[in-house]
Amino acid sequence: MKQLFNPKLNWFENITILLDLGFYGATNEYINGSNLKLPHKKPKKSKAKPIATLTKKQKEENKMHAATRVLVEHSIGGMKSLFCLTNRVRNHLDILKNYFIRLSAALWNFKLSF
């Protein structure tokens, strides 16, 4: 993520990004980390907290976060039905790769609209 989006620039000023726990440190790295939304992490079990669980509010927020991410993951899976995204592209032109992604997204949206 750091290679594509420089942490020193304000990339996420006007948008909210839903991330999974694989990007756990991203909120500290980026300038406007408040727009990066992560699910709540279950606390570690310790002597002070022998039963480590999330609160009901945190569980509800995680469910809403997961419901949105499932829709996104299903859309990505539907876009891969065009097979130009799943097979190796043997062309070195970045514009052609971007064209494949836009084309598959447009076809998937067209399919969903009918």
PDB file of N, CA and C in Angstrom:
ATOM      1  N   MET A   1       0.829  -1.187   0.000  1.00  0.00           N
ATOM      2  CA  MET A   1       0.000   0.000   0.000  1.00  0.00           C
ATOM      3  C   MET A   1       0.874   1.252   0.000  1.00  0.00           C
ATOM      4  N   LYS A   2       2.002   1.189   0.724  1.00  0.00           N
ATOM      5  CA  LYS A   2       2.889   2.347   0.784  1.00  0.00           C
ATOM      6  C   LYS A   2       3.533   2.640  -0.569  1.00  0.00           C
ATOM      7  N   GLN A   3       3.713   1.598  -1.389  1.00  0.00           N
ATOM      8  CA  GLN A   3       4.321   1.810  -2.700  1.00  0.00           C
ATOM      9  C   GLN A   3       3.374   2.548  -3.635  1.00  0.00           C
ATOM     10  N   LEU A   4       2.087   2.280  -3.527  1.00  0.00           N
ATOM     11  CA  LEU A   4       1.115   2.930  -4.398  1.00  0.00           C
ATOM     12  C   LEU A   4       0.654   4.278  -3.872  1.00  0.00           C
ATOM     13  N   PHE A   5       0.500   4.389  -2.552  1.00  0.00           N
ATOM     14  CA  PHE A   5      -0.004   5.617  -1.932  1.00  0.00           C
ATOM     15  C   PHE A   5       1.031   6.115  -0.929  1.00  0.00           C
ATOM     16  N   ASN A   6       1.750   7.154  -1.288  1.00  0.00           N
ATOM     17  CA  ASN A   6       2.782   7.721  -0.434  1.00  0.00           C
ATOM     18  C   ASN A   6       2.166   8.198   0.879  1.00  0.00           C
ATOM     19  N   PRO A   7       2.656   7.722   2.028  1.00  0.00           N
ATOM     20  CA  PRO A   7       2.074   8.123   3.313  1.00  0.00           C
ATOM     21  C   PRO A   7       2.216   9.609   3.630  1.00  0.00           C
ATOM     22  N   LYS A   8       3.149  10.290   2.979  1.00  0.00           N
ATOM     23  CA  LYS A   8       3.358  11.711   3.267  1.00  0.00           C
ATOM     24  C   LYS A   8       2.328  12.599   2.578  1.00  0.00           C
ATOM     25  N   LEU A   9       1.613  12.053   1.600  1.00  0.00           N
ATOM     26  CA  LEU A   9       0.579  12.823   0.904  1.00  0.00           C
ATOM     27  C   LEU A   9      -0.788  12.535   1.526  1.00  0.00           C
ATOM     28  N   ASN A  10      -1.698  13.457   1.389  1.00  0.00           N
ATOM     29  CA  ASN A  10      -3.027  13.329   1.985  1.00  0.00           C
ATOM     30  C   ASN A  10      -3.975  12.661   0.981  1.00  0.00           C
ATOM     31  N   TRP A  11      -3.848  11.342   0.818  1.00  0.00           N
ATOM     32  CA  TRP A  11      -4.626  10.602  -0.169  1.00  0.00           C
ATOM     33  C   TRP A  11      -6.095  10.472   0.206  1.00  0.00           C
ATOM     34  N   PHE A  12      -6.374  10.250   1.458  1.00  0.00           N
ATOM     35  CA  PHE A  12      -7.708   9.859   1.900  1.00  0.00           C
ATOM     36  C   PHE A  12      -8.416  10.994   2.625  1.00  0.00           C
ATOM     37  N   GLU A  13      -8.323  12.185   2.072  1.00  0.00           N
ATOM     38  CA  GLU A  13      -8.906  13.365   2.719  1.00  0.00           C
ATOM     39  C   GLU A  13     -10.431  13.357   2.635  1.00  0.00           C
ATOM     40  N   ASN A  14     -10.982  13.053   1.478  1.00  0.00           N
ATOM     41  CA  ASN A  14     -12.429  13.173   1.281  1.00  0.00           C
ATOM     42  C   ASN A  14     -13.143  11.835   1.134  1.00  0.00           C
ATOM     43  N   ILE A  15     -12.452  10.739   1.324  1.00  0.00           N
ATOM     44  CA  ILE A  15     -13.072   9.426   1.156  1.00  0.00           C
ATOM     45  C   ILE A  15     -12.774   8.556   2.365  1.00  0.00           C
ATOM     46  N   THR A  16     -13.615   7.565   2.569  1.00  0.00           N
ATOM     47  CA  THR A  16     -13.424   6.598   3.639  1.00  0.00           C
ATOM     48  C   THR A  16     -13.023   5.275   3.012  1.00  0.00           C
ATOM     49  N   ILE A  17     -11.978   4.663   3.545  1.00  0.00           N
ATOM     50  CA  ILE A  17     -11.452   3.411   3.032  1.00  0.00           C
ATOM     51  C   ILE A  17     -11.703   2.321   4.074  1.00  0.00           C
ATOM     52  N   LEU A  18     -12.335   1.226   3.654  1.00  0.00           N
ATOM     53  CA  LEU A  18     -12.541   0.076   4.529  1.00  0.00           C
ATOM     54  C   LEU A  18     -11.412  -0.916   4.293  1.00  0.00           C
ATOM     55  N   LEU A  19     -10.657  -1.219   5.323  1.00  0.00           N
ATOM     56  CA  LEU A  19      -9.528  -2.132   5.230  1.00  0.00           C
ATOM     57  C   LEU A  19      -9.772  -3.335   6.119  1.00  0.00           C
ATOM     58  N   ASP A  20      -9.005  -4.392   5.893  1.00  0.00           N
ATOM     59  CA  ASP A  20      -9.065  -5.522   6.806  1.00  0.00           C
ATOM     60  C   ASP A  20      -7.883  -5.433   7.767  1.00  0.00           C
ATOM     61  N   LEU A  21      -7.765  -6.399   8.670  1.00  0.00           N
ATOM     62  CA  LEU A  21      -6.733  -6.321   9.700  1.00  0.00           C
ATOM     63  C   LEU A  21      -5.324  -6.530   9.155  1.00  0.00           C
ATOM     64  N   GLY A  22      -5.184  -6.871   7.887  1.00  0.00           N
ATOM     65  CA  GLY A  22      -3.862  -6.957   7.276  1.00  0.00           C
ATOM     66  C   GLY A  22      -3.204  -5.598   7.148  1.00  0.00           C
ATOM     67  N   PHE A  23      -3.985  -4.533   7.209  1.00  0.00           N
ATOM     68  CA  PHE A  23      -3.478  -3.162   7.122  1.00  0.00           C
ATOM     69  C   PHE A  23      -3.546  -2.492   8.490  1.00  0.00           C
ATOM     70  N   TYR A  24      -3.282  -3.229   9.550  1.00  0.00           N
ATOM     71  CA  TYR A  24      -3.483  -2.748  10.916  1.00  0.00           C
ATOM     72  C   TYR A  24      -2.697  -1.469  11.229  1.00  0.00           C
ATOM     73  N   GLY A  25      -1.480  -1.308  10.742  1.00  0.00           N
ATOM     74  CA  GLY A  25      -0.678  -0.127  11.058  1.00  0.00           C
ATOM     75  C   GLY A  25      -0.922   1.058  10.149  1.00  0.00           C
ATOM     76  N   ALA A  26      -1.809   0.930   9.190  1.00  0.00           N
ATOM     77  CA  ALA A  26      -2.017   2.002   8.206  1.00  0.00           C
ATOM     78  C   ALA A  26      -2.578   3.266   8.836  1.00  0.00           C
ATOM     79  N   THR A  27      -3.365   3.153   9.888  1.00  0.00           N
ATOM     80  CA  THR A  27      -3.942   4.347  10.505  1.00  0.00           C
ATOM     81  C   THR A  27      -2.865   5.219  11.141  1.00  0.00           C
ATOM     82  N   ASN A  28      -1.760   4.620  11.555  1.00  0.00           N
ATOM     83  CA  ASN A  28      -0.668   5.403  12.147  1.00  0.00           C
ATOM     84  C   ASN A  28       0.257   5.973  11.086  1.00  0.00           C
ATOM     85  N   GLU A  29       0.342   5.340   9.932  1.00  0.00           N
ATOM     86  CA  GLU A  29       1.277   5.739   8.886  1.00  0.00           C
ATOM     87  C   GLU A  29       0.801   6.936   8.075  1.00  0.00           C
ATOM     88  N   TYR A  30      -0.484   7.005   7.807  1.00  0.00           N
ATOM     89  CA  TYR A  30      -0.999   8.019   6.878  1.00  0.00           C
ATOM     90  C   TYR A  30      -1.429   9.271   7.613  1.00  0.00           C
ATOM     91  N   ILE A  31      -1.361  10.406   6.904  1.00  0.00           N
ATOM     92  CA  ILE A  31      -1.642  11.718   7.488  1.00  0.00           C
ATOM     93  C   ILE A  31      -3.057  11.776   8.042  1.00  0.00           C
ATOM     94  N   ASN A  32      -4.029  11.416   7.233  1.00  0.00           N
ATOM     95  CA  ASN A  32      -5.427  11.456   7.665  1.00  0.00           C
ATOM     96  C   ASN A  32      -5.902  10.023   7.889  1.00  0.00           C
ATOM     97  N   GLY A  33      -5.367   9.371   8.924  1.00  0.00           N
ATOM     98  CA  GLY A  33      -5.694   7.982   9.201  1.00  0.00           C
ATOM     99  C   GLY A  33      -7.087   7.779   9.742  1.00  0.00           C
ATOM    100  N   SER A  34      -7.789   8.863  10.065  1.00  0.00           N
ATOM    101  CA  SER A  34      -9.147   8.723  10.596  1.00  0.00           C
ATOM    102  C   SER A  34     -10.122   8.265   9.514  1.00  0.00           C
ATOM    103  N   ASN A  35      -9.768   8.416   8.247  1.00  0.00           N
ATOM    104  CA  ASN A  35     -10.636   7.973   7.156  1.00  0.00           C
ATOM    105  C   ASN A  35     -10.387   6.521   6.772  1.00  0.00           C
ATOM    106  N   LEU A  36      -9.445   5.869   7.423  1.00  0.00           N
ATOM    107  CA  LEU A  36      -9.182   4.452   7.198  1.00  0.00           C
ATOM    108  C   LEU A  36      -9.908   3.661   8.278  1.00  0.00           C
ATOM    109  N   LYS A  37     -10.865   2.852   7.881  1.00  0.00           N
ATOM    110  CA  LYS A  37     -11.678   2.117   8.844  1.00  0.00           C
ATOM    111  C   LYS A  37     -11.249   0.655   8.889  1.00  0.00           C
ATOM    112  N   LEU A  38     -10.887   0.208  10.078  1.00  0.00           N
ATOM    113  CA  LEU A  38     -10.489  -1.175  10.312  1.00  0.00           C
ATOM    114  C   LEU A  38     -11.515  -1.847  11.216  1.00  0.00           C
ATOM    115  N   PRO A  39     -11.673  -3.167  11.097  1.00  0.00           N
ATOM    116  CA  PRO A  39     -12.532  -3.843  12.063  1.00  0.00           C
ATOM    117  C   PRO A  39     -11.858  -3.867  13.437  1.00  0.00           C
ATOM    118  N   HIS A  40     -12.643  -4.063  14.468  1.00  0.00           N
ATOM    119  CA  HIS A  40     -12.091  -4.120  15.816  1.00  0.00           C
ATOM    120  C   HIS A  40     -11.396  -5.453  16.016  1.00  0.00           C
ATOM    121  N   LYS A  41     -10.250  -5.382  16.645  1.00  0.00           N
ATOM    122  CA  LYS A  41      -9.450  -6.575  16.894  1.00  0.00           C
ATOM    123  C   LYS A  41      -9.794  -7.121  18.273  1.00  0.00           C
ATOM    124  N   LYS A  42      -9.937  -8.424  18.363  1.00  0.00           N
ATOM    125  CA  LYS A  42     -10.241  -9.045  19.651  1.00  0.00           C
ATOM    126  C   LYS A  42      -9.047  -8.852  20.581  1.00  0.00           C
ATOM    127  N   PRO A  43      -9.272  -8.364  21.822  1.00  0.00           N
ATOM    128  CA  PRO A  43      -8.149  -8.146  22.733  1.00  0.00           C
ATOM    129  C   PRO A  43      -7.521  -9.475  23.152  1.00  0.00           C
ATOM    130  N   LYS A  44      -6.258  -9.407  23.519  1.00  0.00           N
ATOM    131  CA  LYS A  44      -5.550 -10.607  23.940  1.00  0.00           C
ATOM    132  C   LYS A  44      -5.982 -11.011  25.344  1.00  0.00           C
ATOM    133  N   LYS A  45      -5.961 -12.295  25.570  1.00  0.00           N
ATOM    134  CA  LYS A  45      -6.301 -12.827  26.881  1.00  0.00           C
ATOM    135  C   LYS A  45      -5.121 -12.580  27.824  1.00  0.00           C
ATOM    136  N   SER A  46      -5.409 -12.071  29.015  1.00  0.00           N
ATOM    137  CA  SER A  46      -4.357 -11.800  29.995  1.00  0.00           C
ATOM    138  C   SER A  46      -4.881 -12.108  31.394  1.00  0.00           C
ATOM    139  N   LYS A  47      -4.030 -11.916  32.387  1.00  0.00           N
ATOM    140  CA  LYS A  47      -4.460 -12.145  33.767  1.00  0.00           C
ATOM    141  C   LYS A  47      -5.516 -11.129  34.182  1.00  0.00           C
ATOM    142  N   ALA A  48      -5.385  -9.901  33.715  1.00  0.00           N
ATOM    143  CA  ALA A  48      -6.362  -8.862  34.036  1.00  0.00           C
ATOM    144  C   ALA A  48      -7.682  -9.112  33.328  1.00  0.00           C
ATOM    145  N   LYS A  49      -7.637  -9.663  32.116  1.00  0.00           N
ATOM    146  CA  LYS A  49      -8.838  -9.976  31.342  1.00  0.00           C
ATOM    147  C   LYS A  49      -8.797 -11.451  30.942  1.00  0.00           C
ATOM    148  N   PRO A  50      -9.241 -12.345  31.835  1.00  0.00           N
ATOM    149  CA  PRO A  50      -9.184 -13.771  31.492  1.00  0.00           C
ATOM    150  C   PRO A  50     -10.141 -14.144  30.358  1.00  0.00           C
ATOM    151  N   ILE A  51     -11.225 -13.392  30.211  1.00  0.00           N
ATOM    152  CA  ILE A  51     -12.163 -13.622  29.111  1.00  0.00           C
ATOM    153  C   ILE A  51     -12.098 -12.392  28.214  1.00  0.00           C
ATOM    154  N   ALA A  52     -11.400 -12.539  27.104  1.00  0.00           N
ATOM    155  CA  ALA A  52     -11.203 -11.409  26.190  1.00  0.00           C
ATOM    156  C   ALA A  52     -12.241 -11.485  25.075  1.00  0.00           C
ATOM    157  N   THR A  53     -13.190 -10.551  25.091  1.00  0.00           N
ATOM    158  CA  THR A  53     -14.210 -10.504  24.044  1.00  0.00           C
ATOM    159  C   THR A  53     -14.430  -9.056  23.617  1.00  0.00           C
ATOM    160  N   LEU A  54     -15.086  -8.914  22.497  1.00  0.00           N
ATOM    161  CA  LEU A  54     -15.472  -7.593  22.022  1.00  0.00           C
ATOM    162  C   LEU A  54     -16.820  -7.209  22.624  1.00  0.00           C
ATOM    163  N   THR A  55     -17.073  -5.921  22.706  1.00  0.00           N
ATOM    164  CA  THR A  55     -18.374  -5.469  23.192  1.00  0.00           C
ATOM    165  C   THR A  55     -19.419  -5.689  22.096  1.00  0.00           C
ATOM    166  N   LYS A  56     -20.689  -5.577  22.475  1.00  0.00           N
ATOM    167  CA  LYS A  56     -21.756  -5.751  21.488  1.00  0.00           C
ATOM    168  C   LYS A  56     -21.675  -4.701  20.389  1.00  0.00           C
ATOM    169  N   LYS A  57     -21.351  -3.477  20.759  1.00  0.00           N
ATOM    170  CA  LYS A  57     -21.234  -2.402  19.770  1.00  0.00           C
ATOM    171  C   LYS A  57     -20.108  -2.706  18.786  1.00  0.00           C
ATOM    172  N   GLN A  58     -18.969  -3.172  19.294  1.00  0.00           N
ATOM    173  CA  GLN A  58     -17.848  -3.512  18.418  1.00  0.00           C
ATOM    174  C   GLN A  58     -18.206  -4.667  17.491  1.00  0.00           C
ATOM    175  N   LYS A  59     -18.930  -5.654  18.005  1.00  0.00           N
ATOM    176  CA  LYS A  59     -19.349  -6.777  17.169  1.00  0.00           C
ATOM    177  C   LYS A  59     -20.296  -6.318  16.063  1.00  0.00           C
ATOM    178  N   GLU A  60     -21.212  -5.405  16.386  1.00  0.00           N
ATOM    179  CA  GLU A  60     -22.131  -4.877  15.374  1.00  0.00           C
ATOM    180  C   GLU A  60     -21.379  -4.086  14.306  1.00  0.00           C
ATOM    181  N   GLU A  61     -20.400  -3.283  14.739  1.00  0.00           N
ATOM    182  CA  GLU A  61     -19.601  -2.523  13.775  1.00  0.00           C
ATOM    183  C   GLU A  61     -18.811  -3.472  12.870  1.00  0.00           C
ATOM    184  N   ASN A  62     -18.270  -4.546  13.438  1.00  0.00           N
ATOM    185  CA  ASN A  62     -17.546  -5.531  12.625  1.00  0.00           C
ATOM    186  C   ASN A  62     -18.469  -6.215  11.628  1.00  0.00           C
ATOM    187  N   LYS A  63     -19.720  -6.483  12.018  1.00  0.00           N
ATOM    188  CA  LYS A  63     -20.671  -7.111  11.097  1.00  0.00           C
ATOM    189  C   LYS A  63     -21.013  -6.178   9.943  1.00  0.00           C
ATOM    190  N   MET A  64     -21.208  -4.887  10.225  1.00  0.00           N
ATOM    191  CA  MET A  64     -21.490  -3.926   9.158  1.00  0.00           C
ATOM    192  C   MET A  64     -20.289  -3.796   8.224  1.00  0.00           C
ATOM    193  N   HIS A  65     -19.103  -3.766   8.814  1.00  0.00           N
ATOM    194  CA  HIS A  65     -17.871  -3.686   8.032  1.00  0.00           C
ATOM    195  C   HIS A  65     -17.742  -4.918   7.124  1.00  0.00           C
ATOM    196  N   ALA A  66     -18.005  -6.094   7.669  1.00  0.00           N
ATOM    197  CA  ALA A  66     -17.893  -7.336   6.900  1.00  0.00           C
ATOM    198  C   ALA A  66     -18.951  -7.407   5.803  1.00  0.00           C
ATOM    199  N   ALA A  67     -20.158  -6.921   6.090  1.00  0.00           N
ATOM    200  CA  ALA A  67     -21.224  -6.960   5.084  1.00  0.00           C
ATOM    201  C   ALA A  67     -20.860  -6.111   3.869  1.00  0.00           C
ATOM    202  N   THR A  68     -20.247  -4.968   4.109  1.00  0.00           N
ATOM    203  CA  THR A  68     -19.820  -4.113   3.004  1.00  0.00           C
ATOM    204  C   THR A  68     -18.673  -4.762   2.241  1.00  0.00           C
ATOM    205  N   ARG A  69     -17.725  -5.336   2.957  1.00  0.00           N
ATOM    206  CA  ARG A  69     -16.573  -5.965   2.304  1.00  0.00           C
ATOM    207  C   ARG A  69     -16.988  -7.185   1.486  1.00  0.00           C
ATOM    208  N   VAL A  70     -18.008  -7.914   1.921  1.00  0.00           N
ATOM    209  CA  VAL A  70     -18.473  -9.078   1.162  1.00  0.00           C
ATOM    210  C   VAL A  70     -18.992  -8.643  -0.199  1.00  0.00           C
ATOM    211  N   LEU A  71     -19.734  -7.551  -0.240  1.00  0.00           N
ATOM    212  CA  LEU A  71     -20.230  -7.041  -1.524  1.00  0.00           C
ATOM    213  C   LEU A  71     -19.074  -6.677  -2.458  1.00  0.00           C
ATOM    214  N   VAL A  72     -18.047  -6.068  -1.900  1.00  0.00           N
ATOM    215  CA  VAL A  72     -16.889  -5.689  -2.706  1.00  0.00           C
ATOM    216  C   VAL A  72     -16.166  -6.935  -3.208  1.00  0.00           C
ATOM    217  N   GLU A  73     -15.972  -7.914  -2.333  1.00  0.00           N
ATOM    218  CA  GLU A  73     -15.283  -9.145  -2.732  1.00  0.00           C
ATOM    219  C   GLU A  73     -16.076  -9.902  -3.795  1.00  0.00           C
ATOM    220  N   HIS A  74     -17.390  -9.916  -3.691  1.00  0.00           N
ATOM    221  CA  HIS A  74     -18.206 -10.573  -4.711  1.00  0.00           C
ATOM    222  C   HIS A  74     -18.108  -9.842  -6.051  1.00  0.00           C
ATOM    223  N   SER A  75     -18.022  -8.531  -6.006  1.00  0.00           N
ATOM    224  CA  SER A  75     -17.860  -7.763  -7.248  1.00  0.00           C
ATOM    225  C   SER A  75     -16.521  -8.073  -7.912  1.00  0.00           C
ATOM    226  N   ILE A  76     -15.480  -8.174  -7.110  1.00  0.00           N
ATOM    227  CA  ILE A  76     -14.164  -8.514  -7.662  1.00  0.00           C
ATOM    228  C   ILE A  76     -14.201  -9.913  -8.267  1.00  0.00           C
ATOM    229  N   GLY A  77     -14.856 -10.852  -7.589  1.00  0.00           N
ATOM    230  CA  GLY A  77     -14.992 -12.200  -8.126  1.00  0.00           C
ATOM    231  C   GLY A  77     -15.784 -12.221  -9.417  1.00  0.00           C
ATOM    232  N   GLY A  78     -16.830 -11.398  -9.503  1.00  0.00           N
ATOM    233  CA  GLY A  78     -17.613 -11.312 -10.730  1.00  0.00           C
ATOM    234  C   GLY A  78     -16.817 -10.706 -11.874  1.00  0.00           C
ATOM    235  N   MET A  79     -15.967  -9.739 -11.560  1.00  0.00           N
ATOM    236  CA  MET A  79     -15.126  -9.150 -12.599  1.00  0.00           C
ATOM    237  C   MET A  79     -14.131 -10.167 -13.146  1.00  0.00           C
ATOM    238  N   LYS A  80     -13.715 -11.100 -12.305  1.00  0.00           N
ATOM    239  CA  LYS A  80     -12.749 -12.105 -12.745  1.00  0.00           C
ATOM    240  C   LYS A  80     -13.366 -13.127 -13.692  1.00  0.00           C
ATOM    241  N   SER A  81     -14.684 -13.098 -13.867  1.00  0.00           N
ATOM    242  CA  SER A  81     -15.305 -14.027 -14.808  1.00  0.00           C
ATOM    243  C   SER A  81     -14.944 -13.696 -16.250  1.00  0.00           C
ATOM    244  N   LEU A  82     -14.356 -12.530 -16.496  1.00  0.00           N
ATOM    245  CA  LEU A  82     -13.908 -12.163 -17.835  1.00  0.00           C
ATOM    246  C   LEU A  82     -12.579 -12.842 -18.198  1.00  0.00           C
ATOM    247  N   PHE A  83     -11.927 -13.458 -17.252  1.00  0.00           N
ATOM    248  CA  PHE A  83     -10.703 -14.250 -17.405  1.00  0.00           C
ATOM    249  C   PHE A  83      -9.476 -13.461 -17.841  1.00  0.00           C
ATOM    250  N   CYS A  84      -9.622 -12.247 -18.341  1.00  0.00           N
ATOM    251  CA  CYS A  84      -8.414 -11.490 -18.676  1.00  0.00           C
ATOM    252  C   CYS A  84      -7.761 -10.964 -17.401  1.00  0.00           C
ATOM    253  N   LEU A  85      -8.490 -10.971 -16.290  1.00  0.00           N
ATOM    254  CA  LEU A  85      -7.904 -10.568 -15.013  1.00  0.00           C
ATOM    255  C   LEU A  85      -7.283 -11.744 -14.275  1.00  0.00           C
ATOM    256  N   THR A  86      -7.755 -12.955 -14.548  1.00  0.00           N
ATOM    257  CA  THR A  86      -7.236 -14.110 -13.833  1.00  0.00           C
ATOM    258  C   THR A  86      -6.027 -14.722 -14.535  1.00  0.00           C
ATOM    259  N   ASN A  87      -5.967 -14.630 -15.855  1.00  0.00           N
ATOM    260  CA  ASN A  87      -4.828 -15.157 -16.595  1.00  0.00           C
ATOM    261  C   ASN A  87      -3.712 -14.126 -16.645  1.00  0.00           C
ATOM    262  N   ARG A  88      -2.537 -14.595 -16.940  1.00  0.00           N
ATOM    263  CA  ARG A  88      -1.385 -13.705 -17.018  1.00  0.00           C
ATOM    264  C   ARG A  88      -1.491 -12.834 -18.267  1.00  0.00           C
ATOM    265  N   VAL A  89      -1.329 -11.531 -18.068  1.00  0.00           N
ATOM    266  CA  VAL A  89      -1.344 -10.601 -19.197  1.00  0.00           C
ATOM    267  C   VAL A  89       0.081 -10.537 -19.735  1.00  0.00           C
ATOM    268  N   ARG A  90       0.254 -10.919 -20.965  1.00  0.00           N
ATOM    269  CA  ARG A  90       1.601 -10.983 -21.551  1.00  0.00           C
ATOM    270  C   ARG A  90       1.927  -9.706 -22.317  1.00  0.00           C
ATOM    271  N   ASN A  91       1.396  -8.625 -21.862  1.00  0.00           N
ATOM    272  CA  ASN A  91       1.655  -7.341 -22.472  1.00  0.00           C
ATOM    273  C   ASN A  91       2.214  -6.415 -21.400  1.00  0.00           C
ATOM    274  N   HIS A  92       3.165  -5.614 -21.739  1.00  0.00           N
ATOM    275  CA  HIS A  92       3.817  -4.763 -20.750  1.00  0.00           C
ATOM    276  C   HIS A  92       3.283  -3.340 -20.735  1.00  0.00           C
ATOM    277  N   LEU A  93       2.215  -3.090 -21.440  1.00  0.00           N
ATOM    278  CA  LEU A  93       1.631  -1.754 -21.443  1.00  0.00           C
ATOM    279  C   LEU A  93       0.665  -1.608 -20.275  1.00  0.00           C
ATOM    280  N   ASP A  94       0.937  -0.660 -19.389  1.00  0.00           N
ATOM    281  CA  ASP A  94       0.073  -0.441 -18.232  1.00  0.00           C
ATOM    282  C   ASP A  94      -1.315   0.024 -18.655  1.00  0.00           C
ATOM    283  N   ILE A  95      -1.384   0.773 -19.746  1.00  0.00           N
ATOM    284  CA  ILE A  95      -2.677   1.281 -20.191  1.00  0.00           C
ATOM    285  C   ILE A  95      -3.594   0.131 -20.609  1.00  0.00           C
ATOM    286  N   LEU A  96      -3.010  -0.938 -21.146  1.00  0.00           N
ATOM    287  CA  LEU A  96      -3.808  -2.094 -21.543  1.00  0.00           C
ATOM    288  C   LEU A  96      -4.325  -2.846 -20.314  1.00  0.00           C
ATOM    289  N   LYS A  97      -3.489  -2.937 -19.281  1.00  0.00           N
ATOM    290  CA  LYS A  97      -3.925  -3.590 -18.037  1.00  0.00           C
ATOM    291  C   LYS A  97      -5.070  -2.805 -17.407  1.00  0.00           C
ATOM    292  N   ASN A  98      -4.957  -1.482 -17.386  1.00  0.00           N
ATOM    293  CA  ASN A  98      -6.030  -0.645 -16.852  1.00  0.00           C
ATOM    294  C   ASN A  98      -7.299  -0.782 -17.694  1.00  0.00           C
ATOM    295  N   TYR A  99      -7.121  -0.905 -18.990  1.00  0.00           N
ATOM    296  CA  TYR A  99      -8.268  -1.091 -19.883  1.00  0.00           C
ATOM    297  C   TYR A  99      -9.001  -2.398 -19.565  1.00  0.00           C
ATOM    298  N   PHE A 100      -8.253  -3.470 -19.301  1.00  0.00           N
ATOM    299  CA  PHE A 100      -8.868  -4.751 -18.937  1.00  0.00           C
ATOM    300  C   PHE A 100      -9.685  -4.621 -17.650  1.00  0.00           C
ATOM    301  N   ILE A 101      -9.150  -3.916 -16.676  1.00  0.00           N
ATOM    302  CA  ILE A 101      -9.863  -3.751 -15.408  1.00  0.00           C
ATOM    303  C   ILE A 101     -11.133  -2.932 -15.616  1.00  0.00           C
ATOM    304  N   ARG A 102     -11.030  -1.844 -16.360  1.00  0.00           N
ATOM    305  CA  ARG A 102     -12.217  -1.010 -16.624  1.00  0.00           C
ATOM    306  C   ARG A 102     -13.263  -1.769 -17.429  1.00  0.00           C
ATOM    307  N   LEU A 103     -12.825  -2.538 -18.404  1.00  0.00           N
ATOM    308  CA  LEU A 103     -13.732  -3.307 -19.237  1.00  0.00           C
ATOM    309  C   LEU A 103     -14.462  -4.365 -18.415  1.00  0.00           C
ATOM    310  N   SER A 104     -13.737  -5.074 -17.561  1.00  0.00           N
ATOM    311  CA  SER A 104     -14.382  -6.109 -16.756  1.00  0.00           C
ATOM    312  C   SER A 104     -15.332  -5.491 -15.733  1.00  0.00           C
ATOM    313  N   ALA A 105     -14.977  -4.331 -15.158  1.00  0.00           N
ATOM    314  CA  ALA A 105     -15.876  -3.654 -14.217  1.00  0.00           C
ATOM    315  C   ALA A 105     -17.146  -3.184 -14.928  1.00  0.00           C
ATOM    316  N   ALA A 106     -16.988  -2.656 -16.138  1.00  0.00           N
ATOM    317  CA  ALA A 106     -18.157  -2.187 -16.888  1.00  0.00           C
ATOM    318  C   ALA A 106     -19.074  -3.348 -17.259  1.00  0.00           C
ATOM    319  N   LEU A 107     -18.497  -4.471 -17.685  1.00  0.00           N
ATOM    320  CA  LEU A 107     -19.319  -5.631 -18.036  1.00  0.00           C
ATOM    321  C   LEU A 107     -20.010  -6.220 -16.810  1.00  0.00           C
ATOM    322  N   TRP A 108     -19.318  -6.235 -15.681  1.00  0.00           N
ATOM    323  CA  TRP A 108     -19.949  -6.750 -14.459  1.00  0.00           C
ATOM    324  C   TRP A 108     -21.088  -5.837 -14.013  1.00  0.00           C
ATOM    325  N   ASN A 109     -20.897  -4.521 -14.072  1.00  0.00           N
ATOM    326  CA  ASN A 109     -21.979  -3.589 -13.738  1.00  0.00           C
ATOM    327  C   ASN A 109     -23.152  -3.721 -14.708  1.00  0.00           C
ATOM    328  N   PHE A 110     -22.850  -3.946 -15.964  1.00  0.00           N
ATOM    329  CA  PHE A 110     -23.910  -4.148 -16.964  1.00  0.00           C
ATOM    330  C   PHE A 110     -24.701  -5.410 -16.644  1.00  0.00           C
ATOM    331  N   LYS A 111     -24.014  -6.465 -16.256  1.00  0.00           N
ATOM    332  CA  LYS A 111     -24.685  -7.712 -15.904  1.00  0.00           C
ATOM    333  C   LYS A 111     -25.571  -7.516 -14.667  1.00  0.00           C
ATOM    334  N   LEU A 112     -25.096  -6.773 -13.681  1.00  0.00           N
ATOM    335  CA  LEU A 112     -25.881  -6.539 -12.465  1.00  0.00           C
ATOM    336  C   LEU A 112     -27.110  -5.677 -12.731  1.00  0.00           C
ATOM    337  N   SER A 113     -27.039  -4.826 -13.750  1.00  0.00           N
ATOM    338  CA  SER A 113     -28.160  -3.928 -14.006  1.00  0.00           C
ATOM    339  C   SER A 113     -29.334  -4.647 -14.685  1.00  0.00           C
ATOM    340  N   PHE A 114     -29.111  -5.855 -15.191  1.00  0.00           N
ATOM    341  CA  PHE A 114     -30.186  -6.604 -15.833  1.00  0.00           C
ATOM    342  C   PHE A 114     -30.561  -7.828 -15.083  1.00  0.00           C
TER     343      PHE A 114
END
